[in-house]
């Protein structure tokens, strides 16, 4: 979560005006050398709370069909090629959102932000989304 928030901060993706992450017990996964595997987290919006024609106008998100993936994997296996997968640390669309969208900040975010260069006072504030984030219905369009 810290890496994604720092990436969003460096790319000027959001403007903080906010509150804070849920306290959950965490189980650690270990890498073969004995070190703890870094945990992944994502900043995601609650798209079920978005109102049509207020928070978004059009939605579209291109996805790959499973049959296409099977075809690609069978071709790579047939020719002895190695298939790789990609995972982005943080991904966002470089287009600004047309609508003004605000997001509540999770409760414990302050503790995460204290580790970054931000020293926010988040009491009673919200976060204005400047660019598309995961979970927004218009993220695929922007």
N, C-alpha and C. Protein backbone atom coordinates (compact mmCIF):
# COMPACT_ATOMS: atom_id res chain seq x y z
N UNK A 1 0.83 -1.18 0.00
CA UNK A 1 0.00 0.00 0.00
C UNK A 1 0.88 1.25 0.00
N UNK A 2 1.97 1.19 0.77
CA UNK A 2 2.86 2.35 0.85
C UNK A 2 3.47 2.66 -0.51
N UNK A 3 3.90 1.62 -1.25
CA UNK A 3 4.51 1.83 -2.56
C UNK A 3 3.50 2.43 -3.52
N UNK A 4 2.26 1.92 -3.50
CA UNK A 4 1.24 2.45 -4.40
C UNK A 4 0.91 3.90 -4.04
N UNK A 5 0.79 4.20 -2.75
CA UNK A 5 0.48 5.58 -2.34
C UNK A 5 1.60 6.53 -2.72
N UNK A 6 2.85 6.10 -2.54
CA UNK A 6 3.97 6.95 -2.93
C UNK A 6 3.99 7.16 -4.44
N UNK A 7 3.66 6.12 -5.20
CA UNK A 7 3.58 6.25 -6.65
C UNK A 7 2.50 7.22 -7.06
N UNK A 8 1.34 7.14 -6.42
CA UNK A 8 0.24 8.06 -6.72
C UNK A 8 0.64 9.49 -6.33
N UNK A 9 1.36 9.62 -5.21
CA UNK A 9 1.81 10.94 -4.77
C UNK A 9 2.82 11.52 -5.76
N UNK A 10 3.76 10.70 -6.22
CA UNK A 10 4.78 11.17 -7.17
C UNK A 10 4.19 11.54 -8.51
N UNK A 11 3.13 10.83 -8.94
CA UNK A 11 2.48 11.13 -10.22
C UNK A 11 1.41 12.19 -10.09
N UNK A 12 1.21 12.73 -8.89
CA UNK A 12 0.19 13.76 -8.63
C UNK A 12 -1.18 13.27 -9.08
N UNK A 13 -1.53 12.03 -8.69
CA UNK A 13 -2.79 11.42 -9.11
C UNK A 13 -3.96 11.83 -8.24
N UNK A 14 -3.71 12.14 -6.99
CA UNK A 14 -4.81 12.49 -6.11
C UNK A 14 -4.42 13.68 -5.24
N UNK A 15 -5.43 14.32 -4.73
CA UNK A 15 -5.21 15.44 -3.83
C UNK A 15 -5.76 15.02 -2.48
N UNK A 16 -4.92 15.01 -1.46
CA UNK A 16 -5.37 14.56 -0.15
C UNK A 16 -6.12 15.65 0.57
N UNK A 17 -7.27 15.28 1.09
CA UNK A 17 -8.08 16.12 1.95
C UNK A 17 -8.77 15.16 2.89
N UNK A 18 -8.09 14.20 3.51
CA UNK A 18 -8.76 13.01 3.97
C UNK A 18 -8.59 12.41 5.36
N UNK A 19 -9.08 11.07 5.55
CA UNK A 19 -9.00 10.24 6.76
C UNK A 19 -8.25 8.93 6.63
N UNK A 20 -8.41 7.68 6.77
CA UNK A 20 -7.43 6.61 6.80
C UNK A 20 -7.58 5.07 6.65
N UNK A 21 -6.65 2.92 6.82
CA UNK A 21 -6.67 1.51 6.42
C UNK A 21 -7.16 0.67 7.61
N UNK A 22 -7.83 -0.38 7.29
CA UNK A 22 -8.37 -1.27 8.30
C UNK A 22 -7.27 -2.01 9.04
N UNK A 23 -7.44 -2.15 10.34
CA UNK A 23 -6.47 -2.89 11.14
C UNK A 23 -6.82 -4.37 11.05
N UNK A 24 -6.01 -5.13 10.36
CA UNK A 24 -6.26 -6.57 10.23
C UNK A 24 -4.98 -7.31 10.61
N UNK A 25 -5.12 -8.45 11.29
CA UNK A 25 -3.91 -9.24 11.52
C UNK A 25 -3.37 -9.72 10.18
N UNK A 26 -2.09 -9.67 10.01
CA UNK A 26 -1.49 -10.04 8.73
C UNK A 26 -0.67 -11.30 8.89
N UNK A 27 -0.80 -12.19 7.92
CA UNK A 27 0.03 -13.38 7.87
C UNK A 27 1.14 -13.10 6.88
N UNK A 28 2.33 -13.49 7.22
CA UNK A 28 3.47 -13.21 6.35
C UNK A 28 3.82 -14.44 5.53
N UNK A 29 4.18 -14.20 4.28
CA UNK A 29 4.70 -15.26 3.43
C UNK A 29 6.21 -15.07 3.37
N UNK A 30 6.92 -16.17 3.35
CA UNK A 30 8.37 -16.10 3.35
C UNK A 30 8.93 -16.53 2.00
N UNK A 31 10.00 -15.85 1.58
CA UNK A 31 10.71 -16.19 0.36
C UNK A 31 11.73 -17.27 0.72
N UNK A 32 12.25 -17.99 -0.27
CA UNK A 32 13.18 -19.11 -0.04
C UNK A 32 14.39 -18.72 0.79
N UNK A 33 14.86 -17.47 0.68
CA UNK A 33 16.03 -17.06 1.46
C UNK A 33 15.69 -16.71 2.91
N UNK A 34 14.41 -16.83 3.30
CA UNK A 34 14.01 -16.57 4.68
C UNK A 34 13.47 -15.18 4.93
N UNK A 35 13.57 -14.29 3.95
CA UNK A 35 13.04 -12.94 4.14
C UNK A 35 11.52 -12.94 3.95
N UNK A 36 10.86 -11.92 4.49
CA UNK A 36 9.41 -11.83 4.39
C UNK A 36 9.04 -11.24 3.04
N UNK A 37 8.08 -11.88 2.37
CA UNK A 37 7.62 -11.41 1.06
C UNK A 37 6.81 -10.12 1.25
N UNK A 38 7.10 -9.07 0.45
CA UNK A 38 6.34 -7.82 0.59
C UNK A 38 4.86 -8.05 0.27
N UNK A 39 4.01 -7.40 1.04
CA UNK A 39 2.58 -7.56 0.83
C UNK A 39 2.08 -6.57 -0.21
N UNK A 40 1.05 -6.97 -0.94
CA UNK A 40 0.47 -6.11 -1.97
C UNK A 40 -0.86 -5.56 -1.48
N UNK A 41 -1.14 -4.34 -1.85
CA UNK A 41 -2.42 -3.72 -1.53
C UNK A 41 -2.76 -2.76 -2.65
N UNK A 42 -4.03 -2.47 -2.82
CA UNK A 42 -4.47 -1.57 -3.87
C UNK A 42 -5.42 -0.54 -3.32
N UNK A 43 -5.31 0.66 -3.84
CA UNK A 43 -6.27 1.71 -3.54
C UNK A 43 -7.42 1.53 -4.53
N UNK A 44 -8.62 1.22 -4.02
CA UNK A 44 -9.75 0.90 -4.88
C UNK A 44 -10.97 1.72 -4.46
N UNK A 45 -11.71 2.21 -5.45
CA UNK A 45 -12.94 2.96 -5.18
C UNK A 45 -14.13 2.00 -5.10
N UNK A 46 -15.18 2.40 -4.40
CA UNK A 46 -16.40 1.59 -4.31
C UNK A 46 -17.32 1.97 -5.46
N UNK A 47 -17.20 1.25 -6.58
CA UNK A 47 -17.97 1.64 -7.76
C UNK A 47 -19.47 1.44 -7.58
N UNK A 48 -19.90 0.59 -6.66
CA UNK A 48 -21.33 0.39 -6.45
C UNK A 48 -22.00 1.62 -5.86
N UNK A 49 -21.22 2.58 -5.34
CA UNK A 49 -21.78 3.82 -4.81
C UNK A 49 -21.85 4.93 -5.85
N UNK A 50 -21.35 4.68 -7.06
CA UNK A 50 -21.37 5.71 -8.09
C UNK A 50 -22.75 5.82 -8.73
N UNK A 51 -23.17 7.06 -9.01
CA UNK A 51 -24.48 7.33 -9.60
C UNK A 51 -24.32 7.62 -11.08
N UNK A 52 -25.10 6.91 -11.96
CA UNK A 52 -25.02 7.19 -13.40
C UNK A 52 -25.38 8.65 -13.71
N UNK A 53 -24.69 9.22 -14.69
CA UNK A 53 -24.86 10.60 -15.15
C UNK A 53 -24.48 11.65 -14.11
N UNK A 54 -24.01 11.23 -12.93
CA UNK A 54 -23.49 12.17 -11.94
C UNK A 54 -22.00 11.90 -11.78
N UNK A 55 -21.65 10.66 -11.41
CA UNK A 55 -20.25 10.28 -11.21
C UNK A 55 -19.60 9.76 -12.49
N UNK A 56 -20.40 9.30 -13.44
CA UNK A 56 -19.85 8.79 -14.70
C UNK A 56 -20.92 8.86 -15.78
N UNK A 57 -20.47 8.88 -17.05
CA UNK A 57 -21.40 8.89 -18.17
C UNK A 57 -21.32 7.57 -18.96
N UNK A 58 -20.15 7.20 -19.40
CA UNK A 58 -19.98 5.99 -20.19
C UNK A 58 -19.01 5.06 -19.47
N UNK A 59 -19.19 3.77 -19.67
CA UNK A 59 -18.25 2.81 -19.10
C UNK A 59 -17.81 1.83 -20.18
N UNK A 60 -16.56 1.44 -20.12
CA UNK A 60 -16.02 0.44 -21.04
C UNK A 60 -14.67 0.02 -20.51
N UNK A 61 -14.43 -1.25 -20.44
CA UNK A 61 -13.13 -1.75 -20.03
C UNK A 61 -12.76 -2.93 -20.92
N UNK A 62 -11.74 -2.77 -21.76
CA UNK A 62 -11.35 -3.88 -22.63
C UNK A 62 -10.72 -5.01 -21.82
N UNK A 63 -11.17 -6.22 -22.07
CA UNK A 63 -10.62 -7.39 -21.39
C UNK A 63 -10.34 -8.48 -22.43
N UNK A 64 -9.51 -9.41 -22.06
CA UNK A 64 -9.16 -10.52 -22.94
C UNK A 64 -10.08 -11.70 -22.67
N UNK A 65 -10.52 -12.34 -23.73
CA UNK A 65 -11.35 -13.54 -23.56
C UNK A 65 -10.48 -14.71 -23.13
N UNK A 66 -11.07 -15.59 -22.32
CA UNK A 66 -10.35 -16.76 -21.84
C UNK A 66 -9.94 -17.66 -23.01
N UNK A 67 -10.80 -17.77 -24.04
CA UNK A 67 -10.48 -18.61 -25.20
C UNK A 67 -9.23 -18.08 -25.92
N UNK A 68 -9.07 -16.76 -25.97
CA UNK A 68 -7.88 -16.17 -26.59
C UNK A 68 -6.63 -16.52 -25.79
N UNK A 69 -6.72 -16.44 -24.46
CA UNK A 69 -5.58 -16.78 -23.61
C UNK A 69 -5.20 -18.26 -23.77
N UNK A 70 -6.20 -19.13 -23.85
CA UNK A 70 -5.92 -20.55 -24.06
C UNK A 70 -5.20 -20.77 -25.38
N UNK A 71 -5.65 -20.07 -26.41
CA UNK A 71 -5.04 -20.19 -27.75
C UNK A 71 -3.58 -19.75 -27.69
N UNK A 72 -3.30 -18.61 -27.07
CA UNK A 72 -1.92 -18.10 -26.96
C UNK A 72 -1.05 -19.08 -26.18
N UNK A 73 -1.56 -19.60 -25.06
CA UNK A 73 -0.78 -20.55 -24.26
C UNK A 73 -0.54 -21.86 -25.01
N UNK A 74 -1.54 -22.32 -25.78
CA UNK A 74 -1.33 -23.56 -26.54
C UNK A 74 -0.31 -23.36 -27.67
N UNK A 75 -0.32 -22.19 -28.30
CA UNK A 75 0.67 -21.89 -29.35
C UNK A 75 2.07 -21.84 -28.74
N UNK A 76 2.19 -21.17 -27.58
CA UNK A 76 3.51 -21.07 -26.95
C UNK A 76 4.01 -22.45 -26.51
N UNK A 77 3.11 -23.31 -26.02
CA UNK A 77 3.50 -24.67 -25.63
C UNK A 77 3.89 -25.50 -26.85
N UNK A 78 3.16 -25.32 -27.95
CA UNK A 78 3.43 -26.06 -29.18
C UNK A 78 4.81 -25.73 -29.75
N UNK A 79 5.21 -24.47 -29.67
CA UNK A 79 6.51 -24.04 -30.20
C UNK A 79 7.61 -24.01 -29.15
N UNK A 80 7.31 -24.47 -27.94
CA UNK A 80 8.32 -24.52 -26.88
C UNK A 80 8.71 -23.15 -26.35
N UNK A 81 7.81 -22.19 -26.44
CA UNK A 81 8.08 -20.84 -25.95
C UNK A 81 7.70 -20.73 -24.48
N UNK A 82 8.29 -19.78 -23.80
CA UNK A 82 7.99 -19.55 -22.40
C UNK A 82 6.98 -18.41 -22.28
N UNK A 83 5.93 -18.62 -21.51
CA UNK A 83 4.92 -17.58 -21.28
C UNK A 83 5.26 -16.84 -19.99
N UNK A 84 5.08 -15.54 -19.99
CA UNK A 84 5.34 -14.71 -18.81
C UNK A 84 4.08 -13.93 -18.46
N UNK A 85 3.96 -13.58 -17.20
CA UNK A 85 2.85 -12.71 -16.80
C UNK A 85 3.43 -11.41 -16.26
N UNK A 86 2.64 -10.36 -16.31
CA UNK A 86 3.06 -9.05 -15.82
C UNK A 86 2.23 -8.64 -14.63
N UNK A 87 2.84 -7.95 -13.71
CA UNK A 87 2.11 -7.37 -12.59
C UNK A 87 2.68 -5.97 -12.37
N UNK A 88 1.84 -4.96 -12.43
CA UNK A 88 2.28 -3.59 -12.23
C UNK A 88 2.18 -3.24 -10.76
N UNK A 89 3.20 -2.57 -10.23
CA UNK A 89 3.17 -2.16 -8.83
C UNK A 89 2.02 -1.20 -8.58
N UNK A 90 1.88 -0.24 -9.42
CA UNK A 90 0.71 0.64 -9.39
C UNK A 90 0.44 1.06 -10.82
N UNK A 91 -0.80 1.05 -11.17
CA UNK A 91 -1.18 1.41 -12.53
C UNK A 91 -2.29 2.44 -12.47
N UNK A 92 -2.20 3.42 -13.29
CA UNK A 92 -3.27 4.40 -13.39
C UNK A 92 -3.30 4.94 -14.80
N UNK A 93 -4.40 5.54 -15.14
CA UNK A 93 -4.57 6.12 -16.45
C UNK A 93 -4.16 7.58 -16.34
N UNK A 94 -3.44 8.07 -17.34
CA UNK A 94 -2.91 9.43 -17.24
C UNK A 94 -3.94 10.52 -17.56
N UNK A 95 -5.16 10.14 -17.85
CA UNK A 95 -6.20 11.13 -18.13
C UNK A 95 -6.86 11.56 -16.83
N UNK A 96 -7.15 12.85 -16.72
CA UNK A 96 -7.89 13.33 -15.56
C UNK A 96 -9.35 12.96 -15.71
N UNK A 97 -10.03 12.75 -14.59
CA UNK A 97 -11.46 12.45 -14.64
C UNK A 97 -12.22 13.73 -14.97
N UNK A 98 -13.28 13.60 -15.76
CA UNK A 98 -14.08 14.76 -16.13
C UNK A 98 -14.94 15.22 -14.97
N UNK A 99 -15.39 14.29 -14.14
CA UNK A 99 -16.25 14.60 -13.02
C UNK A 99 -15.41 14.83 -11.77
N UNK A 100 -15.96 15.58 -10.81
CA UNK A 100 -15.31 15.71 -9.51
C UNK A 100 -15.73 14.51 -8.67
N UNK A 101 -14.78 13.67 -8.32
CA UNK A 101 -15.07 12.45 -7.56
C UNK A 101 -14.31 12.52 -6.24
N UNK A 102 -15.02 12.26 -5.15
CA UNK A 102 -14.41 12.27 -3.82
C UNK A 102 -14.50 10.87 -3.22
N UNK A 103 -13.48 10.50 -2.44
CA UNK A 103 -13.41 9.17 -1.87
C UNK A 103 -13.10 9.30 -0.39
N UNK A 104 -13.82 8.54 0.45
CA UNK A 104 -13.51 8.52 1.87
C UNK A 104 -12.16 7.83 2.08
N UNK A 105 -11.43 8.30 3.05
CA UNK A 105 -10.12 7.70 3.35
C UNK A 105 -10.29 6.68 4.47
N UNK A 106 -9.63 5.56 4.34
CA UNK A 106 -9.73 4.49 5.32
C UNK A 106 -9.12 4.91 6.66
N UNK A 107 -9.58 4.29 7.73
CA UNK A 107 -9.26 4.71 9.10
C UNK A 107 -7.77 4.75 9.45
N UNK A 108 -7.02 3.77 9.06
CA UNK A 108 -5.61 3.68 9.49
C UNK A 108 -4.61 4.20 8.46
N UNK A 109 -5.07 4.93 7.47
CA UNK A 109 -4.17 5.43 6.43
C UNK A 109 -3.12 6.39 6.99
N UNK A 110 -3.45 7.08 8.06
CA UNK A 110 -2.51 8.03 8.67
C UNK A 110 -1.20 7.35 9.02
N UNK A 111 -1.27 6.14 9.57
CA UNK A 111 -0.05 5.40 9.94
C UNK A 111 0.80 5.09 8.72
N UNK A 112 0.15 4.75 7.60
CA UNK A 112 0.89 4.47 6.37
C UNK A 112 1.51 5.75 5.84
N UNK A 113 0.75 6.84 5.87
CA UNK A 113 1.24 8.11 5.33
C UNK A 113 2.37 8.71 6.17
N UNK A 114 2.44 8.38 7.45
CA UNK A 114 3.53 8.87 8.29
C UNK A 114 4.88 8.35 7.81
N UNK A 115 4.87 7.19 7.15
CA UNK A 115 6.11 6.62 6.61
C UNK A 115 6.55 7.34 5.34
N UNK A 116 5.64 8.06 4.70
CA UNK A 116 5.98 8.78 3.47
C UNK A 116 6.38 10.20 3.83
N UNK A 117 6.64 11.01 2.80
CA UNK A 117 7.03 12.39 3.07
C UNK A 117 5.84 13.29 3.38
N UNK A 118 4.61 12.76 3.26
CA UNK A 118 3.42 13.54 3.62
C UNK A 118 3.23 13.51 5.13
N UNK A 119 2.86 14.61 5.71
CA UNK A 119 2.53 14.69 7.13
C UNK A 119 1.13 15.30 7.25
N UNK A 120 0.11 14.57 6.80
CA UNK A 120 -1.22 15.17 6.72
C UNK A 120 -2.00 15.18 8.03
N UNK A 121 -2.88 16.15 8.17
CA UNK A 121 -3.89 16.17 9.21
C UNK A 121 -5.19 15.80 8.51
N UNK A 122 -5.66 14.58 8.69
CA UNK A 122 -6.76 14.06 7.89
C UNK A 122 -8.11 14.05 8.60
N UNK A 123 -8.25 14.74 9.71
CA UNK A 123 -9.50 14.73 10.46
C UNK A 123 -10.64 15.34 9.64
N UNK A 124 -11.66 14.53 9.37
CA UNK A 124 -12.86 15.01 8.68
C UNK A 124 -12.65 15.40 7.23
N UNK A 125 -11.59 14.93 6.60
CA UNK A 125 -11.32 15.28 5.21
C UNK A 125 -11.61 14.11 4.30
N UNK A 126 -11.71 14.39 3.01
CA UNK A 126 -11.91 13.36 2.00
C UNK A 126 -10.84 13.52 0.94
N UNK A 127 -10.75 12.54 0.05
CA UNK A 127 -9.73 12.55 -0.99
C UNK A 127 -10.41 12.83 -2.33
N UNK A 128 -9.98 13.87 -3.05
CA UNK A 128 -10.51 14.16 -4.38
C UNK A 128 -9.66 13.40 -5.39
N UNK A 129 -10.32 12.57 -6.20
CA UNK A 129 -9.63 11.76 -7.20
C UNK A 129 -9.40 12.61 -8.43
N UNK A 130 -8.13 12.80 -8.81
CA UNK A 130 -7.79 13.60 -9.98
C UNK A 130 -7.68 12.74 -11.24
N UNK A 131 -7.26 11.50 -11.07
CA UNK A 131 -7.13 10.57 -12.19
C UNK A 131 -7.79 9.25 -11.82
N UNK A 132 -8.10 8.46 -12.82
CA UNK A 132 -8.82 7.20 -12.61
C UNK A 132 -8.04 6.26 -11.69
N UNK A 133 -8.76 5.58 -10.80
CA UNK A 133 -8.18 4.56 -9.93
C UNK A 133 -9.01 3.28 -10.08
N UNK A 134 -8.49 2.16 -9.59
CA UNK A 134 -9.22 0.90 -9.64
C UNK A 134 -10.58 1.06 -8.97
N UNK A 135 -11.60 0.51 -9.60
CA UNK A 135 -12.93 0.52 -9.00
C UNK A 135 -13.85 1.59 -9.53
N UNK A 136 -13.33 2.61 -10.19
CA UNK A 136 -14.21 3.62 -10.78
C UNK A 136 -14.78 3.06 -12.08
N UNK A 137 -16.05 3.30 -12.31
CA UNK A 137 -16.68 2.75 -13.52
C UNK A 137 -16.09 3.35 -14.77
N UNK A 138 -15.61 4.59 -14.71
CA UNK A 138 -15.08 5.24 -15.91
C UNK A 138 -13.57 5.01 -16.07
N UNK A 139 -12.95 4.23 -15.21
CA UNK A 139 -11.50 4.02 -15.31
C UNK A 139 -11.08 3.43 -16.64
N UNK A 140 -11.88 2.55 -17.21
CA UNK A 140 -11.55 1.96 -18.50
C UNK A 140 -11.68 2.93 -19.65
N UNK A 141 -12.46 3.99 -19.48
CA UNK A 141 -12.69 4.98 -20.54
C UNK A 141 -11.66 6.08 -20.53
N UNK A 142 -11.14 6.40 -19.37
CA UNK A 142 -10.26 7.57 -19.24
C UNK A 142 -8.92 7.30 -19.87
